[in-house]
Amino acid sequence: MTAIAEADEVFDSAAELFALLSTPVRLRLISALCHQEKNVSELLREIDTTQPNLSQHLAVLYRAGILGRRREGTQVFYRVVSERAAALCRAVCNQVALEMDAQAALPEHERLMPALRRR
């Protein structure tokens, strides 16, 4: 495999991961599950969405290998199994939060997203 083909494969895989993590609900799910497993009812109390929508996002993250699950009676518990994906989410979300903090006033060259609007 050529160096260009290898680089393309890396970029394609990275883009696929970023696409997978590109919805706020999925980022919230990963954040909610970072420290302990939770069942769907617990997640619904933390994340403002419908049960069908939550289940759809859980299924996508499960199929991608980011979340694991186990059944206990009628309950299904989810947990993060890809610590690397969780670390990536934390790093990006922490950086964005820092950039949104009006007191941080980071110089443009230190910003992850130079055009990020402050709210």
PDB file of N, CA and C in Angstrom:
ATOM      1  N   MET A   1       0.845  -1.176   0.000  1.00  0.00           N
ATOM      2  CA  MET A   1       0.000   0.000   0.000  1.00  0.00           C
ATOM      3  C   MET A   1       0.891   1.240   0.000  1.00  0.00           C
ATOM      4  N   THR A   2       0.542   2.194  -0.819  1.00  0.00           N
ATOM      5  CA  THR A   2       1.341   3.413  -0.911  1.00  0.00           C
ATOM      6  C   THR A   2       1.063   4.320   0.283  1.00  0.00           C
ATOM      7  N   ALA A   3       1.978   5.268   0.480  1.00  0.00           N
ATOM      8  CA  ALA A   3       1.807   6.217   1.583  1.00  0.00           C
ATOM      9  C   ALA A   3       0.540   7.040   1.407  1.00  0.00           C
ATOM     10  N   ILE A   4       0.218   7.394   0.178  1.00  0.00           N
ATOM     11  CA  ILE A   4      -1.003   8.173  -0.087  1.00  0.00           C
ATOM     12  C   ILE A   4      -2.237   7.339   0.245  1.00  0.00           C
ATOM     13  N   ALA A   5      -2.232   6.077  -0.149  1.00  0.00           N
ATOM     14  CA  ALA A   5      -3.372   5.198   0.136  1.00  0.00           C
ATOM     15  C   ALA A   5      -3.533   4.997   1.634  1.00  0.00           C
ATOM     16  N   GLU A   6      -2.412   4.850   2.349  1.00  0.00           N
ATOM     17  CA  GLU A   6      -2.469   4.700   3.805  1.00  0.00           C
ATOM     18  C   GLU A   6      -3.033   5.960   4.454  1.00  0.00           C
ATOM     19  N   ALA A   7      -2.576   7.125   4.001  1.00  0.00           N
ATOM     20  CA  ALA A   7      -3.087   8.387   4.544  1.00  0.00           C
ATOM     21  C   ALA A   7      -4.578   8.522   4.255  1.00  0.00           C
ATOM     22  N   ASP A   8      -4.993   8.158   3.053  1.00  0.00           N
ATOM     23  CA  ASP A   8      -6.412   8.228   2.703  1.00  0.00           C
ATOM     24  C   ASP A   8      -7.246   7.329   3.608  1.00  0.00           C
ATOM     25  N   GLU A   9      -6.727   6.149   3.910  1.00  0.00           N
ATOM     26  CA  GLU A   9      -7.431   5.219   4.791  1.00  0.00           C
ATOM     27  C   GLU A   9      -7.570   5.808   6.199  1.00  0.00           C
ATOM     28  N   VAL A  10      -6.517   6.447   6.678  1.00  0.00           N
ATOM     29  CA  VAL A  10      -6.558   7.098   7.988  1.00  0.00           C
ATOM     30  C   VAL A  10      -7.592   8.216   7.989  1.00  0.00           C
ATOM     31  N   PHE A  11      -7.565   9.062   6.957  1.00  0.00           N
ATOM     32  CA  PHE A  11      -8.513  10.182   6.884  1.00  0.00           C
ATOM     33  C   PHE A  11      -9.949   9.684   6.766  1.00  0.00           C
ATOM     34  N   ASP A  12     -10.152   8.630   5.986  1.00  0.00           N
ATOM     35  CA  ASP A  12     -11.495   8.062   5.839  1.00  0.00           C
ATOM     36  C   ASP A  12     -12.004   7.522   7.180  1.00  0.00           C
ATOM     37  N   SER A  13     -11.143   6.827   7.902  1.00  0.00           N
ATOM     38  CA  SER A  13     -11.536   6.280   9.203  1.00  0.00           C
ATOM     39  C   SER A  13     -11.813   7.386  10.215  1.00  0.00           C
ATOM     40  N   ALA A  14     -10.976   8.413  10.219  1.00  0.00           N
ATOM     41  CA  ALA A  14     -11.190   9.537  11.135  1.00  0.00           C
ATOM     42  C   ALA A  14     -12.500  10.248  10.815  1.00  0.00           C
ATOM     43  N   ALA A  15     -12.777  10.455   9.527  1.00  0.00           N
ATOM     44  CA  ALA A  15     -14.024  11.107   9.125  1.00  0.00           C
ATOM     45  C   ALA A  15     -15.230  10.268   9.533  1.00  0.00           C
ATOM     46  N   GLU A  16     -15.104   8.956   9.416  1.00  0.00           N
ATOM     47  CA  GLU A  16     -16.188   8.060   9.825  1.00  0.00           C
ATOM     48  C   GLU A  16     -16.438   8.183  11.332  1.00  0.00           C
ATOM     49  N   LEU A  17     -15.372   8.248  12.120  1.00  0.00           N
ATOM     50  CA  LEU A  17     -15.519   8.404  13.564  1.00  0.00           C
ATOM     51  C   LEU A  17     -16.147   9.748  13.904  1.00  0.00           C
ATOM     52  N   PHE A  18     -15.670  10.825  13.270  1.00  0.00           N
ATOM     53  CA  PHE A  18     -16.251  12.141  13.539  1.00  0.00           C
ATOM     54  C   PHE A  18     -17.716  12.183  13.121  1.00  0.00           C
ATOM     55  N   ALA A  19     -18.079  11.535  12.028  1.00  0.00           N
ATOM     56  CA  ALA A  19     -19.484  11.492  11.613  1.00  0.00           C
ATOM     57  C   ALA A  19     -20.326  10.763  12.654  1.00  0.00           C
ATOM     58  N   LEU A  20     -19.783   9.697  13.188  1.00  0.00           N
ATOM     59  CA  LEU A  20     -20.473   8.928  14.219  1.00  0.00           C
ATOM     60  C   LEU A  20     -20.718   9.772  15.474  1.00  0.00           C
ATOM     61  N   LEU A  21     -19.775  10.651  15.785  1.00  0.00           N
ATOM     62  CA  LEU A  21     -19.861  11.469  16.996  1.00  0.00           C
ATOM     63  C   LEU A  21     -20.448  12.852  16.724  1.00  0.00           C
ATOM     64  N   SER A  22     -21.031  13.050  15.555  1.00  0.00           N
ATOM     65  CA  SER A  22     -21.438  14.395  15.149  1.00  0.00           C
ATOM     66  C   SER A  22     -22.810  14.831  15.643  1.00  0.00           C
ATOM     67  N   THR A  23     -23.492  14.030  16.431  1.00  0.00           N
ATOM     68  CA  THR A  23     -24.795  14.445  16.945  1.00  0.00           C
ATOM     69  C   THR A  23     -24.702  14.731  18.443  1.00  0.00           C
ATOM     70  N   PRO A  24     -25.340  15.802  18.888  1.00  0.00           N
ATOM     71  CA  PRO A  24     -25.299  16.141  20.317  1.00  0.00           C
ATOM     72  C   PRO A  24     -25.812  15.021  21.217  1.00  0.00           C
ATOM     73  N   VAL A  25     -26.829  14.292  20.780  1.00  0.00           N
ATOM     74  CA  VAL A  25     -27.363  13.208  21.614  1.00  0.00           C
ATOM     75  C   VAL A  25     -26.301  12.142  21.847  1.00  0.00           C
ATOM     76  N   ARG A  26     -25.541  11.798  20.831  1.00  0.00           N
ATOM     77  CA  ARG A  26     -24.500  10.770  20.989  1.00  0.00           C
ATOM     78  C   ARG A  26     -23.388  11.258  21.901  1.00  0.00           C
ATOM     79  N   LEU A  27     -23.028  12.525  21.796  1.00  0.00           N
ATOM     80  CA  LEU A  27     -22.015  13.078  22.699  1.00  0.00           C
ATOM     81  C   LEU A  27     -22.525  13.067  24.131  1.00  0.00           C
ATOM     82  N   ARG A  28     -23.803  13.411  24.317  1.00  0.00           N
ATOM     83  CA  ARG A  28     -24.391  13.377  25.665  1.00  0.00           C
ATOM     84  C   ARG A  28     -24.408  11.956  26.222  1.00  0.00           C
ATOM     85  N   LEU A  29     -24.728  10.988  25.363  1.00  0.00           N
ATOM     86  CA  LEU A  29     -24.740   9.589  25.800  1.00  0.00           C
ATOM     87  C   LEU A  29     -23.366   9.146  26.264  1.00  0.00           C
ATOM     88  N   ILE A  30     -22.364   9.438  25.477  1.00  0.00           N
ATOM     89  CA  ILE A  30     -21.009   9.031  25.859  1.00  0.00           C
ATOM     90  C   ILE A  30     -20.613   9.704  27.165  1.00  0.00           C
ATOM     91  N   SER A  31     -20.928  10.974  27.305  1.00  0.00           N
ATOM     92  CA  SER A  31     -20.626  11.687  28.546  1.00  0.00           C
ATOM     93  C   SER A  31     -21.362  11.066  29.735  1.00  0.00           C
ATOM     94  N   ALA A  32     -22.638  10.749  29.544  1.00  0.00           N
ATOM     95  CA  ALA A  32     -23.437  10.174  30.630  1.00  0.00           C
ATOM     96  C   ALA A  32     -22.945   8.792  31.047  1.00  0.00           C
ATOM     97  N   LEU A  33     -22.298   8.096  30.125  1.00  0.00           N
ATOM     98  CA  LEU A  33     -21.862   6.722  30.403  1.00  0.00           C
ATOM     99  C   LEU A  33     -20.369   6.612  30.709  1.00  0.00           C
ATOM    100  N   CYS A  34     -19.675   7.731  30.767  1.00  0.00           N
ATOM    101  CA  CYS A  34     -18.222   7.688  30.966  1.00  0.00           C
ATOM    102  C   CYS A  34     -17.801   7.041  32.282  1.00  0.00           C
ATOM    103  N   HIS A  35     -18.567   7.252  33.332  1.00  0.00           N
ATOM    104  CA  HIS A  35     -18.119   6.795  34.647  1.00  0.00           C
ATOM    105  C   HIS A  35     -18.856   5.565  35.169  1.00  0.00           C
ATOM    106  N   GLN A  36     -20.034   5.297  34.616  1.00  0.00           N
ATOM    107  CA  GLN A  36     -20.759   4.107  35.055  1.00  0.00           C
ATOM    108  C   GLN A  36     -21.800   3.710  34.031  1.00  0.00           C
ATOM    109  N   GLU A  37     -22.149   2.438  34.051  1.00  0.00           N
ATOM    110  CA  GLU A  37     -23.179   1.985  33.139  1.00  0.00           C
ATOM    111  C   GLU A  37     -24.542   2.449  33.637  1.00  0.00           C
ATOM    112  N   LYS A  38     -25.457   2.589  32.697  1.00  0.00           N
ATOM    113  CA  LYS A  38     -26.809   3.036  33.032  1.00  0.00           C
ATOM    114  C   LYS A  38     -27.800   2.335  32.119  1.00  0.00           C
ATOM    115  N   ASN A  39     -29.041   2.224  32.615  1.00  0.00           N
ATOM    116  CA  ASN A  39     -30.079   1.655  31.763  1.00  0.00           C
ATOM    117  C   ASN A  39     -30.788   2.779  31.010  1.00  0.00           C
ATOM    118  N   VAL A  40     -31.673   2.408  30.110  1.00  0.00           N
ATOM    119  CA  VAL A  40     -32.334   3.380  29.250  1.00  0.00           C
ATOM    120  C   VAL A  40     -33.144   4.380  30.069  1.00  0.00           C
ATOM    121  N   SER A  41     -33.827   3.924  31.118  1.00  0.00           N
ATOM    122  CA  SER A  41     -34.624   4.834  31.957  1.00  0.00           C
ATOM    123  C   SER A  41     -33.742   5.896  32.608  1.00  0.00           C
ATOM    124  N   GLU A  42     -32.597   5.481  33.107  1.00  0.00           N
ATOM    125  CA  GLU A  42     -31.667   6.450  33.718  1.00  0.00           C
ATOM    126  C   GLU A  42     -31.173   7.449  32.682  1.00  0.00           C
ATOM    127  N   LEU A  43     -30.867   6.971  31.495  1.00  0.00           N
ATOM    128  CA  LEU A  43     -30.386   7.859  30.432  1.00  0.00           C
ATOM    129  C   LEU A  43     -31.465   8.846  29.997  1.00  0.00           C
ATOM    130  N   LEU A  44     -32.712   8.388  29.950  1.00  0.00           N
ATOM    131  CA  LEU A  44     -33.806   9.283  29.565  1.00  0.00           C
ATOM    132  C   LEU A  44     -34.000  10.406  30.581  1.00  0.00           C
ATOM    133  N   ARG A  45     -33.705  10.155  31.841  1.00  0.00           N
ATOM    134  CA  ARG A  45     -33.801  11.215  32.857  1.00  0.00           C
ATOM    135  C   ARG A  45     -32.714  12.272  32.668  1.00  0.00           C
ATOM    136  N   GLU A  46     -31.596  11.889  32.079  1.00  0.00           N
ATOM    137  CA  GLU A  46     -30.472  12.810  31.892  1.00  0.00           C
ATOM    138  C   GLU A  46     -30.468  13.505  30.538  1.00  0.00           C
ATOM    139  N   ILE A  47     -31.044  12.860  29.546  1.00  0.00           N
ATOM    140  CA  ILE A  47     -30.958  13.368  28.174  1.00  0.00           C
ATOM    141  C   ILE A  47     -32.362  13.674  27.673  1.00  0.00           C
ATOM    142  N   ASP A  48     -32.561  14.897  27.248  1.00  0.00           N
ATOM    143  CA  ASP A  48     -33.870  15.356  26.807  1.00  0.00           C
ATOM    144  C   ASP A  48     -34.148  14.894  25.381  1.00  0.00           C
ATOM    145  N   THR A  49     -34.718  13.709  25.264  1.00  0.00           N
ATOM    146  CA  THR A  49     -35.103  13.158  23.968  1.00  0.00           C
ATOM    147  C   THR A  49     -36.168  12.109  24.203  1.00  0.00           C
ATOM    148  N   THR A  50     -36.685  11.546  23.137  1.00  0.00           N
ATOM    149  CA  THR A  50     -37.692  10.492  23.254  1.00  0.00           C
ATOM    150  C   THR A  50     -37.010   9.138  23.398  1.00  0.00           C
ATOM    151  N   GLN A  51     -37.748   8.179  23.905  1.00  0.00           N
ATOM    152  CA  GLN A  51     -37.194   6.832  24.069  1.00  0.00           C
ATOM    153  C   GLN A  51     -36.815   6.213  22.724  1.00  0.00           C
ATOM    154  N   PRO A  52     -37.656   6.328  21.674  1.00  0.00           N
ATOM    155  CA  PRO A  52     -37.247   5.753  20.381  1.00  0.00           C
ATOM    156  C   PRO A  52     -35.975   6.411  19.819  1.00  0.00           C
ATOM    157  N   ASN A  53     -35.865   7.733  19.962  1.00  0.00           N
ATOM    158  CA  ASN A  53     -34.678   8.432  19.465  1.00  0.00           C
ATOM    159  C   ASN A  53     -33.443   7.994  20.248  1.00  0.00           C
ATOM    160  N   LEU A  54     -33.570   7.913  21.567  1.00  0.00           N
ATOM    161  CA  LEU A  54     -32.458   7.473  22.402  1.00  0.00           C
ATOM    162  C   LEU A  54     -32.021   6.064  22.009  1.00  0.00           C
ATOM    163  N   SER A  55     -32.990   5.175  21.845  1.00  0.00           N
ATOM    164  CA  SER A  55     -32.669   3.791  21.476  1.00  0.00           C
ATOM    165  C   SER A  55     -31.954   3.714  20.135  1.00  0.00           C
ATOM    166  N   GLN A  56     -32.364   4.554  19.197  1.00  0.00           N
ATOM    167  CA  GLN A  56     -31.707   4.568  17.885  1.00  0.00           C
ATOM    168  C   GLN A  56     -30.244   4.981  18.017  1.00  0.00           C
ATOM    169  N   HIS A  57     -29.967   6.035  18.787  1.00  0.00           N
ATOM    170  CA  HIS A  57     -28.591   6.487  18.964  1.00  0.00           C
ATOM    171  C   HIS A  57     -27.764   5.469  19.750  1.00  0.00           C
ATOM    172  N   LEU A  58     -28.362   4.841  20.753  1.00  0.00           N
ATOM    173  CA  LEU A  58     -27.656   3.791  21.498  1.00  0.00           C
ATOM    174  C   LEU A  58     -27.276   2.644  20.559  1.00  0.00           C
ATOM    175  N   ALA A  59     -28.184   2.270  19.676  1.00  0.00           N
ATOM    176  CA  ALA A  59     -27.919   1.178  18.740  1.00  0.00           C
ATOM    177  C   ALA A  59     -26.777   1.530  17.790  1.00  0.00           C
ATOM    178  N   VAL A  60     -26.740   2.762  17.311  1.00  0.00           N
ATOM    179  CA  VAL A  60     -25.659   3.186  16.407  1.00  0.00           C
ATOM    180  C   VAL A  60     -24.309   3.101  17.129  1.00  0.00           C
ATOM    181  N   LEU A  61     -24.250   3.617  18.356  1.00  0.00           N
ATOM    182  CA  LEU A  61     -22.990   3.590  19.118  1.00  0.00           C
ATOM    183  C   LEU A  61     -22.601   2.169  19.501  1.00  0.00           C
ATOM    184  N   TYR A  62     -23.580   1.324  19.767  1.00  0.00           N
ATOM    185  CA  TYR A  62     -23.307  -0.076  20.079  1.00  0.00           C
ATOM    186  C   TYR A  62     -22.729  -0.799  18.862  1.00  0.00           C
ATOM    187  N   ARG A  63     -23.383  -0.631  17.709  1.00  0.00           N
ATOM    188  CA  ARG A  63     -22.903  -1.299  16.479  1.00  0.00           C
ATOM    189  C   ARG A  63     -21.512  -0.828  16.086  1.00  0.00           C
ATOM    190  N   ALA A  64     -21.196   0.423  16.419  1.00  0.00           N
ATOM    191  CA  ALA A  64     -19.872   0.963  16.087  1.00  0.00           C
ATOM    192  C   ALA A  64     -18.790   0.492  17.057  1.00  0.00           C
ATOM    193  N   GLY A  65     -19.188  -0.160  18.150  1.00  0.00           N
ATOM    194  CA  GLY A  65     -18.211  -0.651  19.120  1.00  0.00           C
ATOM    195  C   GLY A  65     -17.790   0.377  20.155  1.00  0.00           C
ATOM    196  N   ILE A  66     -18.527   1.485  20.238  1.00  0.00           N
ATOM    197  CA  ILE A  66     -18.206   2.506  21.242  1.00  0.00           C
ATOM    198  C   ILE A  66     -18.878   2.173  22.568  1.00  0.00           C
ATOM    199  N   LEU A  67     -20.081   1.615  22.496  1.00  0.00           N
ATOM    200  CA  LEU A  67     -20.798   1.201  23.700  1.00  0.00           C
ATOM    201  C   LEU A  67     -20.931  -0.314  23.742  1.00  0.00           C
ATOM    202  N   GLY A  68     -20.989  -0.831  24.958  1.00  0.00           N
ATOM    203  CA  GLY A  68     -21.317  -2.226  25.180  1.00  0.00           C
ATOM    204  C   GLY A  68     -22.643  -2.266  25.910  1.00  0.00           C
ATOM    205  N   ARG A  69     -23.257  -3.430  25.969  1.00  0.00           N
ATOM    206  CA  ARG A  69     -24.528  -3.536  26.687  1.00  0.00           C
ATOM    207  C   ARG A  69     -24.652  -4.906  27.310  1.00  0.00           C
ATOM    208  N   ARG A  70     -25.483  -4.954  28.334  1.00  0.00           N
ATOM    209  CA  ARG A  70     -25.797  -6.234  28.972  1.00  0.00           C
ATOM    210  C   ARG A  70     -27.242  -6.187  29.418  1.00  0.00           C
ATOM    211  N   ARG A  71     -27.860  -7.328  29.434  1.00  0.00           N
ATOM    212  CA  ARG A  71     -29.264  -7.430  29.828  1.00  0.00           C
ATOM    213  C   ARG A  71     -29.338  -7.996  31.239  1.00  0.00           C
ATOM    214  N   GLU A  72     -30.191  -7.385  32.036  1.00  0.00           N
ATOM    215  CA  GLU A  72     -30.472  -7.870  33.388  1.00  0.00           C
ATOM    216  C   GLU A  72     -31.982  -7.863  33.553  1.00  0.00           C
ATOM    217  N   GLY A  73     -32.594  -9.022  33.395  1.00  0.00           N
ATOM    218  CA  GLY A  73     -34.057  -9.099  33.400  1.00  0.00           C
ATOM    219  C   GLY A  73     -34.600  -8.363  32.188  1.00  0.00           C
ATOM    220  N   THR A  74     -35.454  -7.384  32.445  1.00  0.00           N
ATOM    221  CA  THR A  74     -36.020  -6.614  31.340  1.00  0.00           C
ATOM    222  C   THR A  74     -35.222  -5.356  31.038  1.00  0.00           C
ATOM    223  N   GLN A  75     -34.226  -5.070  31.844  1.00  0.00           N
ATOM    224  CA  GLN A  75     -33.417  -3.853  31.679  1.00  0.00           C
ATOM    225  C   GLN A  75     -32.188  -4.125  30.816  1.00  0.00           C
ATOM    226  N   VAL A  76     -31.842  -3.141  29.983  1.00  0.00           N
ATOM    227  CA  VAL A  76     -30.602  -3.198  29.214  1.00  0.00           C
ATOM    228  C   VAL A  76     -29.708  -2.079  29.721  1.00  0.00           C
ATOM    229  N   PHE A  77     -28.510  -2.438  30.141  1.00  0.00           N
ATOM    230  CA  PHE A  77     -27.546  -1.479  30.661  1.00  0.00           C
ATOM    231  C   PHE A  77     -26.472  -1.237  29.611  1.00  0.00           C
ATOM    232  N   TYR A  78     -26.117   0.033  29.445  1.00  0.00           N
ATOM    233  CA  TYR A  78     -25.093   0.432  28.476  1.00  0.00           C
ATOM    234  C   TYR A  78     -23.876   0.977  29.211  1.00  0.00           C
ATOM    235  N   ARG A  79     -22.712   0.815  28.582  1.00  0.00           N
ATOM    236  CA  ARG A  79     -21.459   1.322  29.137  1.00  0.00           C
ATOM    237  C   ARG A  79     -20.523   1.667  27.984  1.00  0.00           C
ATOM    238  N   VAL A  80     -19.574   2.531  28.246  1.00  0.00           N
ATOM    239  CA  VAL A  80     -18.561   2.860  27.244  1.00  0.00           C
ATOM    240  C   VAL A  80     -17.533   1.737  27.218  1.00  0.00           C
ATOM    241  N   VAL A  81     -17.255   1.214  26.034  1.00  0.00           N
ATOM    242  CA  VAL A  81     -16.212   0.192  25.898  1.00  0.00           C
ATOM    243  C   VAL A  81     -15.020   0.716  25.108  1.00  0.00           C
ATOM    244  N   SER A  82     -15.209   1.821  24.401  1.00  0.00           N
ATOM    245  CA  SER A  82     -14.106   2.430  23.656  1.00  0.00           C
ATOM    246  C   SER A  82     -13.636   3.666  24.413  1.00  0.00           C
ATOM    247  N   GLU A  83     -12.661   3.470  25.280  1.00  0.00           N
ATOM    248  CA  GLU A  83     -12.151   4.602  26.059  1.00  0.00           C
ATOM    249  C   GLU A  83     -11.509   5.643  25.147  1.00  0.00           C
ATOM    250  N   ARG A  84     -10.960   5.203  24.037  1.00  0.00           N
ATOM    251  CA  ARG A  84     -10.353   6.165  23.106  1.00  0.00           C
ATOM    252  C   ARG A  84     -11.397   7.098  22.516  1.00  0.00           C
ATOM    253  N   ALA A  85     -12.562   6.565  22.153  1.00  0.00           N
ATOM    254  CA  ALA A  85     -13.640   7.420  21.629  1.00  0.00           C
ATOM    255  C   ALA A  85     -14.122   8.373  22.719  1.00  0.00           C
ATOM    256  N   ALA A  86     -14.242   7.886  23.947  1.00  0.00           N
ATOM    257  CA  ALA A  86     -14.671   8.745  25.058  1.00  0.00           C
ATOM    258  C   ALA A  86     -13.634   9.829  25.320  1.00  0.00           C
ATOM    259  N   ALA A  87     -12.353   9.482  25.257  1.00  0.00           N
ATOM    260  CA  ALA A  87     -11.297  10.481  25.473  1.00  0.00           C
ATOM    261  C   ALA A  87     -11.321  11.538  24.374  1.00  0.00           C
ATOM    262  N   LEU A  88     -11.574  11.123  23.143  1.00  0.00           N
ATOM    263  CA  LEU A  88     -11.676  12.076  22.043  1.00  0.00           C
ATOM    264  C   LEU A  88     -12.846  13.033  22.282  1.00  0.00           C
ATOM    265  N   CYS A  89     -13.991  12.501  22.686  1.00  0.00           N
ATOM    266  CA  CYS A  89     -15.160  13.345  22.978  1.00  0.00           C
ATOM    267  C   CYS A  89     -14.849  14.343  24.087  1.00  0.00           C
ATOM    268  N   ARG A  90     -14.227  13.864  25.160  1.00  0.00           N
ATOM    269  CA  ARG A  90     -13.873  14.755  26.275  1.00  0.00           C
ATOM    270  C   ARG A  90     -12.932  15.858  25.819  1.00  0.00           C
ATOM    271  N   ALA A  91     -11.915  15.485  25.059  1.00  0.00           N
ATOM    272  CA  ALA A  91     -10.921  16.470  24.613  1.00  0.00           C
ATOM    273  C   ALA A  91     -11.562  17.549  23.747  1.00  0.00           C
ATOM    274  N   VAL A  92     -12.355  17.132  22.787  1.00  0.00           N
ATOM    275  CA  VAL A  92     -12.979  18.100  21.883  1.00  0.00           C
ATOM    276  C   VAL A  92     -14.005  18.951  22.633  1.00  0.00           C
ATOM    277  N   CYS A  93     -14.865  18.329  23.421  1.00  0.00           N
ATOM    278  CA  CYS A  93     -15.899  19.086  24.148  1.00  0.00           C
ATOM    279  C   CYS A  93     -15.275  20.033  25.166  1.00  0.00           C
ATOM    280  N   ASN A  94     -14.216  19.604  25.846  1.00  0.00           N
ATOM    281  CA  ASN A  94     -13.535  20.495  26.797  1.00  0.00           C
ATOM    282  C   ASN A  94     -12.923  21.687  26.072  1.00  0.00           C
ATOM    283  N   GLN A  95     -12.313  21.448  24.922  1.00  0.00           N
ATOM    284  CA  GLN A  95     -11.714  22.543  24.156  1.00  0.00           C
ATOM    285  C   GLN A  95     -12.782  23.515  23.675  1.00  0.00           C
ATOM    286  N   VAL A  96     -13.890  23.005  23.157  1.00  0.00           N
ATOM    287  CA  VAL A  96     -14.973  23.866  22.690  1.00  0.00           C
ATOM    288  C   VAL A  96     -15.544  24.672  23.859  1.00  0.00           C
ATOM    289  N   ALA A  97     -15.728  24.038  25.010  1.00  0.00           N
ATOM    290  CA  ALA A  97     -16.238  24.749  26.189  1.00  0.00           C
ATOM    291  C   ALA A  97     -15.277  25.861  26.590  1.00  0.00           C
ATOM    292  N   LEU A  98     -13.992  25.585  26.539  1.00  0.00           N
ATOM    293  CA  LEU A  98     -12.992  26.594  26.872  1.00  0.00           C
ATOM    294  C   LEU A  98     -13.067  27.767  25.899  1.00  0.00           C
ATOM    295  N   GLU A  99     -13.222  27.464  24.625  1.00  0.00           N
ATOM    296  CA  GLU A  99     -13.307  28.519  23.618  1.00  0.00           C
ATOM    297  C   GLU A  99     -14.595  29.333  23.750  1.00  0.00           C
ATOM    298  N   MET A 100     -15.646  28.713  24.248  1.00  0.00           N
ATOM    299  CA  MET A 100     -16.914  29.418  24.421  1.00  0.00           C
ATOM    300  C   MET A 100     -16.926  30.276  25.682  1.00  0.00           C
ATOM    301  N   ASP A 101     -16.021  30.004  26.604  1.00  0.00           N
ATOM    302  CA  ASP A 101     -15.933  30.765  27.849  1.00  0.00           C
ATOM    303  C   ASP A 101     -15.391  32.156  27.544  1.00  0.00           C
ATOM    304  N   ALA A 102     -16.198  33.153  27.752  1.00  0.00           N
ATOM    305  CA  ALA A 102     -15.811  34.529  27.435  1.00  0.00           C
ATOM    306  C   ALA A 102     -14.573  34.964  28.216  1.00  0.00           C
ATOM    307  N   GLN A 103     -14.364  34.400  29.394  1.00  0.00           N
ATOM    308  CA  GLN A 103     -13.216  34.796  30.203  1.00  0.00           C
ATOM    309  C   GLN A 103     -11.915  34.189  29.688  1.00  0.00           C
ATOM    310  N   ALA A 104     -12.006  33.117  28.928  1.00  0.00           N
ATOM    311  CA  ALA A 104     -10.798  32.455  28.437  1.00  0.00           C
ATOM    312  C   ALA A 104     -10.078  33.312  27.401  1.00  0.00           C
ATOM    313  N   ALA A 105     -10.834  33.917  26.510  1.00  0.00           N
ATOM    314  CA  ALA A 105     -10.287  34.802  25.470  1.00  0.00           C
ATOM    315  C   ALA A 105      -8.996  34.247  24.861  1.00  0.00           C
ATOM    316  N   LEU A 106      -9.097  33.069  24.292  1.00  0.00           N
ATOM    317  CA  LEU A 106      -7.935  32.442  23.660  1.00  0.00           C
ATOM    318  C   LEU A 106      -7.570  33.169  22.373  1.00  0.00           C
ATOM    319  N   PRO A 107      -6.275  33.295  22.104  1.00  0.00           N
ATOM    320  CA  PRO A 107      -5.864  33.863  20.816  1.00  0.00           C
ATOM    321  C   PRO A 107      -6.324  32.941  19.682  1.00  0.00           C
ATOM    322  N   GLU A 108      -6.569  33.517  18.517  1.00  0.00           N
ATOM    323  CA  GLU A 108      -7.060  32.755  17.373  1.00  0.00           C
ATOM    324  C   GLU A 108      -6.196  31.524  17.072  1.00  0.00           C
ATOM    325  N   HIS A 109      -4.877  31.647  17.177  1.00  0.00           N
ATOM    326  CA  HIS A 109      -4.001  30.525  16.815  1.00  0.00           C
ATOM    327  C   HIS A 109      -4.094  29.354  17.792  1.00  0.00           C
ATOM    328  N   GLU A 110      -4.698  29.569  18.975  1.00  0.00           N
ATOM    329  CA  GLU A 110      -4.855  28.488  19.947  1.00  0.00           C
ATOM    330  C   GLU A 110      -6.239  27.849  19.902  1.00  0.00           C
ATOM    331  N   ARG A 111      -7.103  28.361  19.047  1.00  0.00           N
ATOM    332  CA  ARG A 111      -8.471  27.861  18.974  1.00  0.00           C
ATOM    333  C   ARG A 111      -8.571  26.617  18.100  1.00  0.00           C
ATOM    334  N   LEU A 112      -9.394  25.695  18.528  1.00  0.00           N
ATOM    335  CA  LEU A 112      -9.705  24.526  17.732  1.00  0.00           C
ATOM    336  C   LEU A 112     -10.524  24.947  16.511  1.00  0.00           C
ATOM    337  N   MET A 113     -11.446  25.870  16.747  1.00  0.00           N
ATOM    338  CA  MET A 113     -12.298  26.398  15.687  1.00  0.00           C
ATOM    339  C   MET A 113     -12.221  27.907  15.728  1.00  0.00           C
ATOM    340  N   PRO A 114     -11.320  28.514  14.945  1.00  0.00           N
ATOM    341  CA  PRO A 114     -11.143  29.970  15.002  1.00  0.00           C
ATOM    342  C   PRO A 114     -12.424  30.767  14.792  1.00  0.00           C
ATOM    343  N   ALA A 115     -13.349  30.247  14.021  1.00  0.00           N
ATOM    344  CA  ALA A 115     -14.584  30.989  13.745  1.00  0.00           C
ATOM    345  C   ALA A 115     -15.716  30.651  14.715  1.00  0.00           C
ATOM    346  N   LEU A 116     -15.428  29.889  15.761  1.00  0.00           N
ATOM    347  CA  LEU A 116     -16.463  29.496  16.715  1.00  0.00           C
ATOM    348  C   LEU A 116     -17.082  30.720  17.352  1.00  0.00           C
ATOM    349  N   ARG A 117     -18.375  30.843  17.190  1.00  0.00           N
ATOM    350  CA  ARG A 117     -19.089  31.976  17.793  1.00  0.00           C
ATOM    351  C   ARG A 117     -19.243  31.743  19.287  1.00  0.00           C
ATOM    352  N   ARG A 118     -19.094  32.785  20.023  1.00  0.00           N
ATOM    353  CA  ARG A 118     -19.324  32.721  21.461  1.00  0.00           C
ATOM    354  C   ARG A 118     -20.787  32.966  21.733  1.00  0.00           C
ATOM    355  N   ARG A 119     -21.326  32.221  22.659  1.00  0.00           N
ATOM    356  CA  ARG A 119     -22.741  32.369  22.992  1.00  0.00           C
ATOM    357  C   ARG A 119     -22.911  33.086  24.288  1.00  0.00           C
TER     358      ARG A 119
END
